[in-house]
């Protein structure tokens, strides 16, 4: 590596690991590393982590990726992380969020669903601020979780010095400066971006009046847009921990999915193009454990059941709409691992072959053996509603559950393959449901779907989305776009680019365009109608069991 080159470090804390990448100014990932982080699950729907464990993992991966360069070549660092709730006491010591009282467990993970009652109570008040979250706050957001802490762990709540979204905790830990990213607070904390302030009426109405004291000090009173320089850069202690120079530029953060969107919005299909395609025509899918569906527009789009419009949440001058599925990759893993033939298949393949690759190769063989024109036709009679962990959008109902119809007596690996296909298709129908909801609220049509994350490496998942949504799919050549997005934050903050949008375009690179199969449009239109019927049927069943009447 050239001693004259400038590099940027991107740090990404996902659900199960911390990652870092050394990224060049053109978006090339030069080096990357990963370190697992621990999650405690003390009871169903409770997920807890530790900031000490997370920071330790970050230090290991950053030191690894910068080992081959002079630390003076690293001009900036950007952090992204899951939208998890961090709770700190005086002097920044961890405060427990666990019923066990374990102090190290001071993070409520994003996917924790403990605050269902608190969520319902907040939504029942119908505060006008809820129009920015599709009409309802999600139980995965932070305000319901804070109310849960107040009611269930009053000692912790009463001892709070600061509460952070995890991305903002990382910039604070790196710099010692208490700033918050507009991305975190507007997307997950019900911050009023239009007024550029916390809403005292909303917080008091939610029962969190203590958090409004001293100019909202516990929540953070200094809110900055993503990509801005934080303080004087890395503190002495953080620089030593990370192996970087004191004062290395640190950027305000992004939530992990939003960092992936930032990286992908600049990606283009034609490397000869003067500019990236119109960013407003792109939907970025950050598809891993869950899937986040990100799109931005110049004009605000209010869509029921879709989070946003969030002003300036990723790129200044644009409004963000955010859809999502609470489980995606995690769902497919669950479907495979709970099938009776999973153990048999795993033993047959051994450690060298990926089960998903094998199933993706098997499905065309099954279709050919049955004389079918396309793999998708294998699920002619098998239909799935995939919300085993509730629906994030566009229904915004965490109590919804999964449905499968068309089960028969078939056993073995063939049964597993078809079930896997049906759930993969169902995730794509869920994406179509989100897109059509946006269209119903006058959102301009999409031109392209973009994919990154673990599921982006699964060709069946991507092709199902292209076919079912009838939109081209763009797969970036550099798949680690969340890390690229985090590095772009550092590059913008360091002044290497004149804006965050410029950094995205310069570092987004190119990708391969996958066209939809036009011959399967009618088949998927029919199955999509069934998909929507499954939702209505679940509502009818619930009404019947609750003593109400349902249409026959």
Protein backbone atom coordinates (compact mmCIF):
# COMPACT_ATOMS: atom_id res chain seq x y z
CA UNK A 1 0.00 0.00 0.00
CA UNK A 2 1.28 3.41 -0.97
CA UNK A 3 2.65 5.49 1.87
CA UNK A 4 1.06 8.51 0.17
CA UNK A 5 -2.48 7.13 0.12
CA UNK A 6 -5.22 8.39 2.40
CA UNK A 7 -7.56 5.91 4.03
CA UNK A 8 -10.70 6.00 6.13
CA UNK A 9 -11.89 3.53 8.73
CA UNK A 10 -15.49 2.41 8.82
CA UNK A 11 -16.78 0.67 11.95
CA UNK A 12 -20.04 -1.27 11.88
CA UNK A 13 -21.66 -2.84 14.94
CA UNK A 14 -24.33 -5.25 13.81
CA UNK A 15 -26.61 -7.52 15.79
CA UNK A 16 -24.00 -10.20 16.44
CA UNK A 17 -20.61 -8.73 15.59
CA UNK A 18 -18.40 -5.68 15.34
CA UNK A 19 -16.64 -5.10 12.03
CA UNK A 20 -14.12 -2.62 10.73
CA UNK A 21 -12.76 -1.85 7.28
CA UNK A 22 -9.90 0.19 5.92
CA UNK A 23 -11.39 1.94 2.89
CA UNK A 24 -9.73 3.91 0.11
CA UNK A 25 -11.16 7.20 -1.16
CA UNK A 26 -12.70 5.42 -4.17
CA UNK A 27 -14.66 3.04 -1.93
CA UNK A 28 -12.38 0.02 -2.25
CA UNK A 29 -12.28 -2.07 0.91
CA UNK A 30 -8.57 -2.69 1.46
CA UNK A 31 -8.79 -4.68 4.67
CA UNK A 32 -11.58 -5.82 6.97
CA UNK A 33 -12.03 -7.75 10.20
CA UNK A 34 -14.87 -9.08 12.31
CA UNK A 35 -15.28 -9.94 15.99
CA UNK A 36 -18.35 -11.52 17.57
CA UNK A 37 -20.16 -9.71 20.35
CA UNK A 38 -22.26 -11.30 23.06
CA UNK A 39 -26.05 -11.16 23.38
CA UNK A 40 -27.93 -12.24 26.48
CA UNK A 41 -31.50 -13.56 26.08
CA UNK A 42 -32.80 -13.91 29.65
CA UNK A 43 -36.36 -14.63 28.50
CA UNK A 44 -38.35 -14.64 25.24
CA UNK A 45 -38.26 -11.29 23.38
CA UNK A 46 -35.56 -9.87 25.71
CA UNK A 47 -32.17 -9.17 24.11
CA UNK A 48 -29.34 -7.45 25.98
CA UNK A 49 -25.73 -6.51 25.21
CA UNK A 50 -22.76 -4.78 26.84
CA UNK A 51 -21.03 -1.57 25.74
CA UNK A 52 -17.79 -2.79 27.31
CA UNK A 53 -17.92 -5.97 25.23
CA UNK A 54 -18.79 -3.98 22.10
CA UNK A 55 -15.99 -1.43 22.54
CA UNK A 56 -13.47 -4.21 23.20
CA UNK A 57 -14.50 -5.91 19.95
CA UNK A 58 -14.22 -2.63 18.04
CA UNK A 59 -10.69 -2.06 19.31
CA UNK A 60 -9.61 -5.50 18.10
CA UNK A 61 -10.99 -5.10 14.58
CA UNK A 62 -9.73 -1.55 14.08
CA UNK A 63 -6.21 -2.49 15.15
CA UNK A 64 -6.32 -5.40 12.72
CA UNK A 65 -7.38 -3.41 9.65
CA UNK A 66 -4.86 -0.60 10.12
CA UNK A 67 -1.90 -2.89 10.77
CA UNK A 68 -0.61 -2.56 7.21
CA UNK A 69 -0.56 1.24 6.99
CA UNK A 70 0.97 4.12 8.87
CA UNK A 71 -1.66 5.47 11.24
CA UNK A 72 -1.00 8.95 9.87
CA UNK A 73 -2.58 7.77 6.60
CA UNK A 74 -5.92 7.24 8.36
CA UNK A 75 -7.62 10.61 7.94
CA UNK A 76 -11.01 9.89 9.45
CA UNK A 77 -13.21 7.30 11.12
CA UNK A 78 -16.97 6.83 11.00
CA UNK A 79 -19.18 4.66 13.20
CA UNK A 80 -22.48 2.97 12.56
CA UNK A 81 -24.36 0.55 14.79
CA UNK A 82 -27.74 -0.98 15.44
CA UNK A 83 -30.38 1.31 16.90
CA UNK A 84 -30.00 -0.18 20.38
CA UNK A 85 -30.53 1.65 23.67
CA UNK A 86 -27.44 2.37 25.81
CA UNK A 87 -27.88 3.38 29.45
CA UNK A 88 -25.08 5.04 31.45
CA UNK A 89 -24.79 6.32 35.00
CA UNK A 90 -22.64 9.09 36.42
CA UNK A 91 -19.20 9.35 34.81
CA UNK A 92 -20.33 7.04 32.03
CA UNK A 93 -20.51 3.82 34.03
CA UNK A 94 -22.87 1.12 32.69
CA UNK A 95 -26.31 0.80 34.27
CA UNK A 96 -28.11 -2.50 34.07
CA UNK A 97 -31.11 -2.90 31.76
CA UNK A 98 -31.60 -6.48 32.90
CA UNK A 99 -33.93 -7.92 35.50
CA UNK A 100 -30.91 -9.98 36.57
CA UNK A 101 -29.19 -6.81 37.76
CA UNK A 102 -26.00 -7.61 35.82
CA UNK A 103 -24.32 -4.21 35.40
CA UNK A 104 -22.46 -5.14 32.23
CA UNK A 105 -25.78 -5.72 30.47
CA UNK A 106 -26.50 -2.05 29.78
CA UNK A 107 -27.78 -2.24 26.20
CA UNK A 108 -31.32 -3.14 25.12
CA UNK A 109 -30.84 -4.58 21.63
CA UNK A 110 -32.91 -3.13 18.79
CA UNK A 111 -34.91 -6.36 18.33
CA UNK A 112 -35.96 -6.53 21.99
CA UNK A 113 -39.77 -6.53 22.24
CA UNK A 114 -40.26 -6.13 26.00
CA UNK A 115 -42.01 -2.75 25.74
CA UNK A 116 -45.21 -3.86 24.00
CA UNK A 117 -47.60 -2.41 26.61
CA UNK A 118 -45.72 0.88 26.75
CA UNK A 119 -45.78 1.12 22.96
CA UNK A 120 -49.55 0.65 22.86
CA UNK A 121 -50.07 3.33 25.51
CA UNK A 122 -47.91 5.87 23.69
CA UNK A 123 -49.69 5.19 20.41
CA UNK A 124 -53.10 5.52 22.04
CA UNK A 125 -52.34 9.18 22.77
CA UNK A 126 -52.07 9.86 19.00
CA UNK A 127 -49.61 12.71 19.38
CA UNK A 128 -49.07 14.65 16.11
CA UNK A 129 -45.37 13.75 16.19
CA UNK A 130 -46.35 10.15 15.39
CA UNK A 131 -47.11 11.19 11.80
CA UNK A 132 -43.35 10.93 11.26
CA UNK A 133 -43.30 7.23 12.18
CA UNK A 134 -46.15 6.08 9.98
CA UNK A 135 -48.75 6.88 12.64
CA UNK A 136 -47.34 4.61 15.33
CA UNK A 137 -44.17 4.37 17.37
CA UNK A 138 -42.57 0.91 17.11
CA UNK A 139 -41.75 -1.19 20.15
CA UNK A 140 -38.25 -1.43 18.64
CA UNK A 141 -37.78 2.32 19.14
CA UNK A 142 -36.31 3.91 22.25
CA UNK A 143 -39.10 5.91 23.91
CA UNK A 144 -41.21 2.82 24.77
CA UNK A 145 -38.10 1.07 26.11
CA UNK A 146 -37.28 4.05 28.32
CA UNK A 147 -40.81 3.97 29.71
CA UNK A 148 -40.37 0.24 30.38
CA UNK A 149 -37.18 1.00 32.32
CA UNK A 150 -38.98 3.63 34.39
CA UNK A 151 -41.70 1.17 35.35
CA UNK A 152 -39.67 -2.00 35.77
CA UNK A 153 -36.12 -0.94 36.71
CA UNK A 154 -36.73 2.27 38.62
CA UNK A 155 -33.28 2.22 40.24
CA UNK A 156 -31.64 2.20 36.81
CA UNK A 157 -33.99 4.86 35.48
CA UNK A 158 -33.42 7.13 38.46
CA UNK A 159 -29.63 6.84 38.11
CA UNK A 160 -29.43 7.75 34.41
CA UNK A 161 -26.69 10.22 33.50
CA UNK A 162 -27.03 9.75 29.73
CA UNK A 163 -28.97 7.51 27.38
CA UNK A 164 -27.65 6.99 23.87
CA UNK A 165 -28.48 5.24 20.68
CA UNK A 166 -25.58 2.83 20.22
CA UNK A 167 -24.07 4.72 17.22
CA UNK A 168 -23.96 7.92 19.28
CA UNK A 169 -22.45 6.09 22.24
CA UNK A 170 -19.57 5.08 19.98
CA UNK A 171 -18.80 8.65 18.90
CA UNK A 172 -19.01 9.76 22.54
CA UNK A 173 -16.68 6.91 23.59
CA UNK A 174 -14.27 7.86 20.80
CA UNK A 175 -14.19 11.60 21.48
CA UNK A 176 -15.58 12.31 24.94
CA UNK A 177 -17.92 14.83 23.28
CA UNK A 178 -21.66 14.45 23.95
CA UNK A 179 -23.19 15.00 20.51
CA UNK A 180 -26.04 13.10 18.88
CA UNK A 181 -26.58 12.25 15.24
CA UNK A 182 -29.76 13.58 13.70
CA UNK A 183 -30.12 10.15 12.10
CA UNK A 184 -30.44 8.35 15.42
CA UNK A 185 -32.63 10.79 17.29
CA UNK A 186 -35.07 11.56 14.48
CA UNK A 187 -35.43 7.95 13.32
CA UNK A 188 -35.57 6.13 16.66
CA UNK A 189 -36.17 8.68 19.44
CA UNK A 190 -39.07 10.79 18.07
CA UNK A 191 -36.93 13.92 17.84
CA UNK A 192 -38.75 16.70 15.98
CA UNK A 193 -36.54 17.38 12.96
CA UNK A 194 -38.88 20.06 11.59
CA UNK A 195 -38.46 22.10 14.79
CA UNK A 196 -34.89 20.87 15.33
CA UNK A 197 -35.66 20.13 18.96
CA UNK A 198 -36.97 17.56 21.38
CA UNK A 199 -40.72 17.77 21.92
CA UNK A 200 -41.43 18.31 25.60
CA UNK A 201 -45.17 17.76 25.22
CA UNK A 202 -44.63 14.37 23.59
CA UNK A 203 -42.11 13.18 26.18
CA UNK A 204 -44.22 14.34 29.12
CA UNK A 205 -47.28 12.75 27.58
CA UNK A 206 -45.35 9.50 27.34
CA UNK A 207 -44.53 9.71 31.06
CA UNK A 208 -40.86 10.62 30.63
CA UNK A 209 -40.90 14.15 32.01
CA UNK A 210 -37.64 13.52 33.90
CA UNK A 211 -35.81 13.36 30.58
CA UNK A 212 -36.85 16.91 29.65
CA UNK A 213 -34.93 18.53 32.52
CA UNK A 214 -31.85 20.73 32.01
CA UNK A 215 -32.50 21.25 28.32
CA UNK A 216 -32.96 17.50 27.70
CA UNK A 217 -29.41 16.88 28.92
CA UNK A 218 -29.87 13.14 29.49
CA UNK A 219 -31.12 12.69 25.92
CA UNK A 220 -28.51 14.99 24.38
CA UNK A 221 -28.96 18.66 23.56
CA UNK A 222 -26.33 18.95 20.80
CA UNK A 223 -27.74 17.29 17.67
CA UNK A 224 -25.69 17.33 14.47
CA UNK A 225 -26.31 15.97 10.95
CA UNK A 226 -24.42 12.85 9.81
CA UNK A 227 -20.94 13.38 8.41
CA UNK A 228 -19.99 16.33 10.62
CA UNK A 229 -16.73 16.47 12.59
CA UNK A 230 -17.16 15.68 16.29
CA UNK A 231 -15.11 17.78 18.69
CA UNK A 232 -11.35 17.55 18.26
CA UNK A 233 -11.38 13.96 17.04
CA UNK A 234 -10.15 10.87 18.87
CA UNK A 235 -9.41 11.38 22.54
CA UNK A 236 -6.13 10.23 24.05
CA UNK A 237 -7.67 7.12 25.61
CA UNK A 238 -9.67 6.14 22.51
CA UNK A 239 -6.68 6.66 20.23
CA UNK A 240 -4.66 4.33 22.41
CA UNK A 241 -7.47 1.76 22.44
CA UNK A 242 -7.84 1.82 18.65
CA UNK A 243 -4.20 2.19 17.66
CA UNK A 244 -4.84 5.47 15.85
CA UNK A 245 -3.50 8.99 16.24
CA UNK A 246 -4.91 11.39 18.80
CA UNK A 247 -7.12 13.88 16.99
CA UNK A 248 -8.00 11.59 14.06
CA UNK A 249 -11.24 13.03 12.68
CA UNK A 250 -14.40 11.35 13.98
CA UNK A 251 -17.74 11.83 12.22
CA UNK A 252 -21.23 11.97 13.61
CA UNK A 253 -22.69 8.53 13.19
CA UNK A 254 -25.40 6.66 11.32
CA UNK A 255 -27.57 3.71 12.22
CA UNK A 256 -26.16 0.59 10.53
CA UNK A 257 -28.82 0.21 7.85
CA UNK A 258 -28.63 3.91 7.07
CA UNK A 259 -24.88 3.61 6.55
CA UNK A 260 -25.57 0.84 4.05
CA UNK A 261 -28.04 3.07 2.26
CA UNK A 262 -25.51 5.90 2.15
CA UNK A 263 -22.99 3.60 0.54
CA UNK A 264 -25.45 2.20 -1.98
CA UNK A 265 -27.19 5.41 -3.02
CA UNK A 266 -23.99 6.37 -4.85
CA UNK A 267 -23.67 3.03 -6.65
CA UNK A 268 -24.32 3.01 -10.40
CA UNK A 269 -24.77 0.31 -13.00
CA UNK A 270 -22.76 2.03 -15.76
CA UNK A 271 -19.18 2.88 -14.84
CA UNK A 272 -19.05 5.35 -17.72
CA UNK A 273 -21.91 7.42 -16.35
CA UNK A 274 -20.99 10.94 -15.28
CA UNK A 275 -23.07 10.61 -12.18
CA UNK A 276 -25.03 8.09 -10.19
CA UNK A 277 -28.58 7.55 -11.36
CA UNK A 278 -31.28 9.69 -9.75
CA UNK A 279 -31.07 8.73 -6.10
CA UNK A 280 -34.82 9.28 -5.67
CA UNK A 281 -35.51 6.31 -7.93
CA UNK A 282 -33.59 3.88 -5.75
CA UNK A 283 -34.71 1.68 -2.89
CA UNK A 284 -31.80 0.35 -0.84
CA UNK A 285 -32.38 -2.96 0.93
CA UNK A 286 -29.97 -3.67 3.75
CA UNK A 287 -30.75 -7.34 4.10
CA UNK A 288 -29.27 -9.31 6.96
CA UNK A 289 -30.81 -10.56 10.21
CA UNK A 290 -33.62 -8.14 9.42
CA UNK A 291 -34.20 -6.07 6.30
CA UNK A 292 -34.42 -2.28 6.14
CA UNK A 293 -35.93 -0.63 3.06
CA UNK A 294 -34.50 2.87 2.59
CA UNK A 295 -35.52 5.52 0.06
CA UNK A 296 -35.09 9.28 -0.09
CA UNK A 297 -36.98 12.07 -1.82
CA UNK A 298 -36.71 15.84 -2.15
CA UNK A 299 -40.34 16.23 -1.07
CA UNK A 300 -41.73 14.69 2.12
CA UNK A 301 -43.84 11.54 1.70
CA UNK A 302 -46.12 10.62 4.61
CA UNK A 303 -47.10 6.95 4.33
CA UNK A 304 -49.07 5.09 6.96
CA UNK A 305 -47.06 2.24 8.42
CA UNK A 306 -43.76 3.50 6.95
CA UNK A 307 -41.33 5.38 9.16
CA UNK A 308 -40.55 8.93 8.13
CA UNK A 309 -40.38 11.25 6.38
CA UNK A 310 -37.17 11.97 8.28
CA UNK A 311 -35.63 15.24 7.19
CA UNK A 312 -31.84 15.15 6.54
CA UNK A 313 -31.53 11.78 8.30
CA UNK A 314 -28.99 10.37 5.83
CA UNK A 315 -28.14 13.02 3.22
CA UNK A 316 -28.91 16.72 3.78
CA UNK A 317 -31.66 18.03 1.53
CA UNK A 318 -33.55 14.73 1.32
CA UNK A 319 -36.38 13.14 3.30
CA UNK A 320 -35.96 9.50 4.28
CA UNK A 321 -38.71 6.88 4.29
CA UNK A 322 -37.83 3.66 6.05
CA UNK A 323 -39.69 0.38 5.79
CA UNK A 324 -38.51 -2.91 7.16
CA UNK A 325 -38.97 -6.53 8.14
CA UNK A 326 -38.05 -7.45 11.71
CA UNK A 327 -36.68 -10.83 10.63
CA UNK A 328 -35.38 -11.80 7.21
CA UNK A 329 -32.11 -13.75 7.20
CA UNK A 330 -32.97 -14.83 10.73
CA UNK A 331 -36.32 -16.10 9.43
CA UNK A 332 -34.74 -18.23 6.69
CA UNK A 333 -32.24 -19.64 9.18
CA UNK A 334 -35.14 -20.51 11.49
CA UNK A 335 -37.11 -22.20 8.69
CA UNK A 336 -34.15 -24.37 7.74
CA UNK A 337 -32.93 -25.24 11.22
CA UNK A 338 -36.37 -26.23 12.53
CA UNK A 339 -37.13 -28.53 9.58
CA UNK A 340 -36.80 -32.24 10.32
CA UNK A 341 -34.40 -32.73 7.39
CA UNK A 342 -31.95 -29.98 8.33
CA UNK A 343 -29.65 -32.30 10.28
CA UNK A 344 -29.67 -34.87 7.49
CA UNK A 345 -28.81 -32.24 4.87
CA UNK A 346 -26.09 -30.69 6.99
CA UNK A 347 -24.49 -34.08 7.55
CA UNK A 348 -24.72 -34.92 3.85
CA UNK A 349 -23.02 -31.69 2.79
CA UNK A 350 -20.38 -31.58 5.49
CA UNK A 351 -18.58 -28.42 6.49
CA UNK A 352 -17.40 -27.42 3.03
CA UNK A 353 -20.67 -26.63 1.26
CA UNK A 354 -23.19 -23.91 2.09
CA UNK A 355 -26.72 -25.20 2.63
CA UNK A 356 -28.25 -22.20 0.85
CA UNK A 357 -26.07 -22.78 -2.20
CA UNK A 358 -27.13 -26.42 -2.28
CA UNK A 359 -30.83 -25.59 -2.05
CA UNK A 360 -30.49 -22.92 -4.74
CA UNK A 361 -28.99 -25.57 -7.03
CA UNK A 362 -31.59 -28.16 -6.08
CA UNK A 363 -34.67 -26.02 -6.81
CA UNK A 364 -34.15 -25.82 -10.63
CA UNK A 365 -33.68 -29.59 -10.66
CA UNK A 366 -36.99 -30.07 -8.84
CA UNK A 367 -38.75 -27.68 -11.23
CA UNK A 368 -37.33 -29.49 -14.28
CA UNK A 369 -38.33 -32.88 -12.89
CA UNK A 370 -41.91 -31.63 -12.52
CA UNK A 371 -41.96 -30.08 -15.99
CA UNK A 372 -42.38 -26.54 -14.64
CA UNK A 373 -41.41 -23.49 -16.67
CA UNK A 374 -39.76 -21.70 -13.74
CA UNK A 375 -38.56 -22.40 -10.22
CA UNK A 376 -41.17 -20.02 -8.79
CA UNK A 377 -43.96 -22.38 -9.89
CA UNK A 378 -42.90 -24.92 -7.25
CA UNK A 379 -44.93 -22.86 -4.76
CA UNK A 380 -48.14 -22.77 -6.82
CA UNK A 381 -50.04 -24.18 -3.83
CA UNK A 382 -47.79 -23.07 -0.95
CA UNK A 383 -48.38 -19.58 0.41
CA UNK A 384 -46.70 -17.84 3.34
CA UNK A 385 -47.21 -14.78 5.51
CA UNK A 386 -43.70 -14.39 6.99
CA UNK A 387 -44.16 -12.24 10.11
CA UNK A 388 -43.18 -14.72 12.80
CA UNK A 389 -41.78 -11.79 14.82
CA UNK A 390 -44.50 -9.26 14.00
CA UNK A 391 -44.81 -6.81 11.13
CA UNK A 392 -42.68 -3.67 11.12
CA UNK A 393 -44.13 -2.20 7.94
CA UNK A 394 -46.39 -1.40 6.29
CA UNK A 395 -48.94 -2.97 8.67
CA UNK A 396 -46.96 -1.88 11.75
CA UNK A 397 -48.39 -4.59 14.00
CA UNK A 398 -45.93 -6.45 16.24
CA UNK A 399 -48.63 -8.95 17.23
CA UNK A 400 -49.01 -10.42 13.74
CA UNK A 401 -47.72 -13.94 13.31
CA UNK A 402 -46.77 -16.23 10.45
CA UNK A 403 -49.07 -18.31 8.27
CA UNK A 404 -48.35 -21.12 5.82
CA UNK A 405 -50.93 -22.88 3.66
CA UNK A 406 -50.58 -25.83 1.31
CA UNK A 407 -48.81 -28.25 3.61
CA UNK A 408 -48.88 -31.91 2.62
CA UNK A 409 -47.31 -35.18 3.72
CA UNK A 410 -44.10 -34.67 1.73
CA UNK A 411 -40.99 -35.17 3.83
CA UNK A 412 -37.27 -34.93 3.30
CA UNK A 413 -34.96 -32.47 1.64
CA UNK A 414 -37.40 -31.74 -1.21
CA UNK A 415 -39.94 -30.51 1.34
CA UNK A 416 -37.27 -28.36 2.97
CA UNK A 417 -36.28 -26.81 -0.38
CA UNK A 418 -39.84 -25.84 -1.29
CA UNK A 419 -40.52 -24.43 2.17
CA UNK A 420 -37.31 -22.38 1.88
CA UNK A 421 -38.42 -21.06 -1.52
CA UNK A 422 -41.87 -20.15 -0.24
CA UNK A 423 -40.48 -18.12 2.68
CA UNK A 424 -37.93 -16.41 0.43
CA UNK A 425 -40.75 -15.40 -1.91
CA UNK A 426 -42.82 -14.20 1.03
CA UNK A 427 -40.07 -11.80 2.08
CA UNK A 428 -40.10 -10.38 -1.45
CA UNK A 429 -43.89 -10.04 -1.40
CA UNK A 430 -43.41 -8.13 1.86
CA UNK A 431 -41.06 -5.75 0.06
CA UNK A 432 -43.64 -5.30 -2.70
CA UNK A 433 -46.23 -4.55 0.00
CA UNK A 434 -43.98 -1.75 1.32
CA UNK A 435 -43.40 -0.34 -2.18
CA UNK A 436 -47.08 -0.33 -3.08
CA UNK A 437 -47.93 1.36 0.21
CA UNK A 438 -45.51 4.17 -0.69
CA UNK A 439 -47.09 4.44 -4.15
CA UNK A 440 -50.53 4.77 -2.55
CA UNK A 441 -49.18 7.84 -0.75
CA UNK A 442 -48.00 9.47 -3.99
CA UNK A 443 -44.37 8.43 -3.83
CA UNK A 444 -42.67 8.64 -7.25
CA UNK A 445 -42.00 5.23 -8.86
CA UNK A 446 -38.81 3.35 -8.12
CA UNK A 447 -36.41 2.49 -10.92
CA UNK A 448 -33.99 0.17 -9.13
CA UNK A 449 -33.62 -2.01 -6.06
CA UNK A 450 -30.16 -2.11 -4.46
CA UNK A 451 -28.97 -4.85 -2.11
CA UNK A 452 -26.27 -5.30 0.49
CA UNK A 453 -25.87 -7.46 3.57
CA UNK A 454 -25.79 -11.21 4.01
CA UNK A 455 -28.93 -11.91 1.98
CA UNK A 456 -27.57 -9.90 -0.96
CA UNK A 457 -25.15 -12.79 -1.44
CA UNK A 458 -28.08 -15.17 -1.94
CA UNK A 459 -29.03 -15.08 -5.66
CA UNK A 460 -32.44 -16.65 -5.04
CA UNK A 461 -33.38 -13.89 -2.59
CA UNK A 462 -32.30 -11.16 -5.00
CA UNK A 463 -33.95 -12.73 -8.06
CA UNK A 464 -37.22 -13.23 -6.17
CA UNK A 465 -37.22 -9.54 -5.30
CA UNK A 466 -36.51 -8.47 -8.88
CA UNK A 467 -39.25 -10.74 -10.24
CA UNK A 468 -41.89 -10.06 -7.60
CA UNK A 469 -41.36 -6.28 -7.50
CA UNK A 470 -40.81 -6.21 -11.29
CA UNK A 471 -37.78 -3.95 -10.84
CA UNK A 472 -34.11 -4.34 -11.79
CA UNK A 473 -31.82 -5.30 -8.92
CA UNK A 474 -28.40 -3.66 -8.63
CA UNK A 475 -25.78 -5.60 -6.69
CA UNK A 476 -22.77 -3.43 -5.80
CA UNK A 477 -19.42 -4.90 -6.79
CA UNK A 478 -18.24 -4.01 -3.30
CA UNK A 479 -20.67 -5.88 -1.10
CA UNK A 480 -19.55 -4.42 2.24
CA UNK A 481 -21.52 -1.25 1.64
CA UNK A 482 -22.38 -0.68 5.30
CA UNK A 483 -18.67 -0.42 6.02
CA UNK A 484 -18.18 1.79 2.96
CA UNK A 485 -20.99 4.05 4.20
CA UNK A 486 -19.37 4.31 7.62
CA UNK A 487 -16.03 5.16 6.01
CA UNK A 488 -17.76 7.77 3.83
CA UNK A 489 -18.84 9.50 7.03
CA UNK A 490 -15.22 9.77 8.09
CA UNK A 491 -14.17 10.98 4.63
CA UNK A 492 -16.80 13.72 4.59
CA UNK A 493 -16.00 14.83 8.14
CA UNK A 494 -12.29 14.98 7.28
CA UNK A 495 -13.06 17.31 4.35
CA UNK A 496 -11.87 14.86 1.69
CA UNK A 497 -15.21 15.49 -0.06
CA UNK A 498 -17.23 18.68 0.01
CA UNK A 499 -20.43 16.95 1.14
CA UNK A 500 -21.78 13.62 2.32
CA UNK A 501 -23.63 13.21 -0.97
CA UNK A 502 -20.36 13.71 -2.86
CA UNK A 503 -18.70 11.10 -0.65
CA UNK A 504 -21.50 8.64 -1.41
CA UNK A 505 -21.17 9.14 -5.16
CA UNK A 506 -17.38 8.89 -5.11
CA UNK A 507 -17.25 5.80 -2.91
CA UNK A 508 -20.41 3.97 -4.06
CA UNK A 509 -18.70 2.33 -7.03
CA UNK A 510 -20.44 0.25 -9.67
CA UNK A 511 -22.59 -2.85 -9.62
CA UNK A 512 -24.13 -5.64 -11.65
CA UNK A 513 -27.70 -5.15 -12.84
CA UNK A 514 -30.07 -8.12 -12.62
CA UNK A 515 -33.22 -7.78 -14.71
CA UNK A 516 -36.59 -9.20 -13.59
CA UNK A 517 -38.04 -12.23 -15.35
CA UNK A 518 -40.95 -10.77 -17.30
CA UNK A 519 -42.42 -14.24 -17.92
CA UNK A 520 -43.33 -14.71 -14.25
CA UNK A 521 -45.15 -11.41 -13.73
CA UNK A 522 -48.67 -12.86 -13.88
CA UNK A 523 -47.79 -15.77 -11.60
CA UNK A 524 -46.43 -13.40 -8.96
CA UNK A 525 -49.38 -11.04 -9.35
CA UNK A 526 -51.68 -13.93 -8.45
CA UNK A 527 -49.56 -15.06 -5.53
CA UNK A 528 -49.35 -11.49 -4.27
CA UNK A 529 -53.16 -11.37 -4.14
CA UNK A 530 -53.07 -14.50 -1.99
CA UNK A 531 -50.37 -12.90 0.16
CA UNK A 532 -52.65 -9.95 0.94
CA UNK A 533 -55.54 -12.32 1.63
CA UNK A 534 -53.44 -14.09 4.26
CA UNK A 535 -53.23 -10.80 6.15
CA UNK A 536 -56.98 -10.29 6.00
CA UNK A 537 -57.61 -13.88 7.05
CA UNK A 538 -55.37 -13.51 10.09
CA UNK A 539 -57.36 -10.45 11.12
CA UNK A 540 -60.60 -12.38 10.67
CA UNK A 541 -59.34 -15.33 12.72
CA UNK A 542 -58.30 -12.98 15.51
CA UNK A 543 -61.70 -11.29 15.46
CA UNK A 544 -63.48 -14.64 15.68
CA UNK A 545 -61.35 -15.83 18.59
CA UNK A 546 -61.89 -12.53 20.41
CA UNK A 547 -65.64 -13.02 20.21
CA UNK A 548 -66.28 -10.70 17.29
CA UNK A 549 -67.77 -11.47 13.92
CA UNK A 550 -65.82 -11.85 10.70
CA UNK A 551 -66.98 -11.72 7.14
CA UNK A 552 -67.48 -15.12 5.55
